[in-house]
Amino acid sequence: MKHFVVKYLVVAAICFLCSQKVHAQRIYLTEQPSPTNLARPTAPAPNYVWIEGEWIPKDKTYVYQPGHWIAPRAGYKWIPGHWVHEHQGWYWVKGYWIKG
């Protein structure tokens, strides 16, 4: 039982620290940046997935990284990045793959 409690506390502490690090890295802007519309190049293969451009945190702002084609991940679906508004301002949520 003692080992279970110790393991539980270690896992809880790791989860707490990781959540604090993610929140600490969030950068808020007073205005959402304008969408960047760049020409989409031709796909390198018919089944490739287009990953829209992302906003990468840098210092106290975001820098736009253009979109690109990527080979699909079997059994996964791409969820595009997007802006979220909270009372502190706008922040970017990076795109990610999910099963499905």
Protein backbone atom coordinates (compact mmCIF):
# COMPACT_ATOMS: atom_id res chain seq x y z
CA MET A 1 0.00 0.00 0.00
CA LYS A 2 2.84 2.37 0.86
CA HIS A 3 4.43 1.83 -2.57
CA PHE A 4 1.09 2.58 -4.26
CA VAL A 5 0.76 5.88 -2.38
CA VAL A 6 4.33 6.88 -3.24
CA LYS A 7 3.84 6.02 -6.92
CA TYR A 8 0.53 7.92 -6.97
CA LEU A 9 2.14 11.02 -5.44
CA VAL A 10 5.04 10.89 -7.92
CA VAL A 11 2.65 10.60 -10.87
CA ALA A 12 0.47 13.42 -9.49
CA ALA A 13 3.54 15.66 -9.03
CA ILE A 14 4.74 14.97 -12.59
CA CYS A 15 1.28 15.75 -14.01
CA PHE A 16 1.11 18.97 -12.01
CA LEU A 17 4.58 20.11 -13.11
CA CYS A 18 3.89 19.29 -16.76
CA SER A 19 0.61 21.19 -16.72
CA GLN A 20 2.32 24.21 -15.15
CA LYS A 21 5.05 24.15 -17.80
CA VAL A 22 2.50 24.05 -20.63
CA HIS A 23 0.51 26.90 -19.08
CA ALA A 24 3.67 28.92 -18.43
CA GLN A 25 4.63 28.69 -22.12
CA ARG A 26 1.28 30.05 -23.30
CA ILE A 27 1.70 33.45 -24.92
CA TYR A 28 -1.31 35.76 -25.01
CA LEU A 29 -1.83 38.43 -27.68
CA THR A 30 -4.31 41.31 -27.52
CA GLU A 31 -5.35 40.66 -31.14
CA GLN A 32 -5.49 37.50 -33.19
CA PRO A 33 -2.95 37.68 -36.06
CA SER A 34 -4.34 37.93 -39.56
CA PRO A 35 -4.58 34.66 -41.46
CA THR A 36 -1.70 34.06 -43.81
CA ASN A 37 -2.88 32.83 -47.21
CA LEU A 38 0.01 31.37 -49.15
CA ALA A 39 -0.25 29.27 -52.29
CA ARG A 40 -0.44 25.56 -51.55
CA PRO A 41 2.14 23.61 -53.59
CA THR A 42 1.20 20.41 -55.40
CA ALA A 43 1.11 17.32 -53.18
CA PRO A 44 4.12 15.01 -53.56
CA ALA A 45 1.77 11.98 -53.59
CA PRO A 46 -2.03 11.55 -53.88
CA ASN A 47 -2.56 10.42 -50.27
CA TYR A 48 -0.50 13.16 -48.56
CA VAL A 49 -2.14 15.40 -45.93
CA TRP A 50 -1.85 19.19 -46.04
CA ILE A 51 -0.79 20.67 -42.69
CA GLU A 52 -1.89 24.30 -42.55
CA GLY A 53 0.61 26.90 -41.40
CA GLU A 54 1.30 27.08 -37.67
CA TRP A 55 2.08 29.95 -35.32
CA ILE A 56 5.23 29.13 -33.37
CA PRO A 57 5.85 30.84 -29.99
CA LYS A 58 8.98 33.00 -30.03
CA ASP A 59 9.93 35.38 -27.23
CA LYS A 60 6.65 37.13 -26.36
CA THR A 61 4.90 36.70 -29.71
CA TYR A 62 4.31 34.17 -32.49
CA VAL A 63 6.09 33.61 -35.80
CA TYR A 64 4.23 32.10 -38.75
CA GLN A 65 5.55 28.82 -40.17
CA PRO A 66 4.08 28.04 -43.61
CA GLY A 67 2.07 24.87 -44.22
CA HIS A 68 3.49 21.69 -45.73
CA TRP A 69 2.53 18.27 -47.05
CA ILE A 70 3.15 15.19 -44.91
CA ALA A 71 2.69 11.46 -45.37
CA PRO A 72 -0.47 10.33 -43.57
CA ARG A 73 -0.26 8.40 -40.31
CA ALA A 74 -2.21 5.16 -40.61
CA GLY A 75 -5.24 5.20 -38.32
CA TYR A 76 -4.87 8.90 -37.41
CA LYS A 77 -6.57 12.15 -38.36
CA TRP A 78 -4.95 15.61 -38.39
CA ILE A 79 -6.58 18.27 -36.20
CA PRO A 80 -5.46 21.72 -37.44
CA GLY A 81 -4.03 24.33 -35.11
CA HIS A 82 -6.30 27.21 -34.13
CA TRP A 83 -6.55 30.41 -32.11
CA VAL A 84 -8.39 30.44 -28.77
CA HIS A 85 -9.61 33.54 -26.96
CA GLU A 86 -9.66 33.83 -23.16
CA HIS A 87 -9.94 36.85 -20.90
CA GLN A 88 -6.10 37.23 -21.02
CA GLY A 89 -6.15 37.42 -24.83
CA TRP A 90 -5.54 35.13 -27.82
CA TYR A 91 -3.24 32.10 -27.80
CA TRP A 92 -2.40 29.45 -30.40
CA VAL A 93 -3.20 25.75 -29.99
CA LYS A 94 -0.82 23.68 -32.11
CA GLY A 95 -2.24 21.10 -34.53
CA TYR A 96 -2.01 17.43 -33.62
CA TRP A 97 -2.84 13.87 -34.73
CA ILE A 98 -5.63 11.83 -33.10
CA LYS A 99 -6.67 8.21 -33.59
CA GLY A 100 -9.63 7.84 -35.86
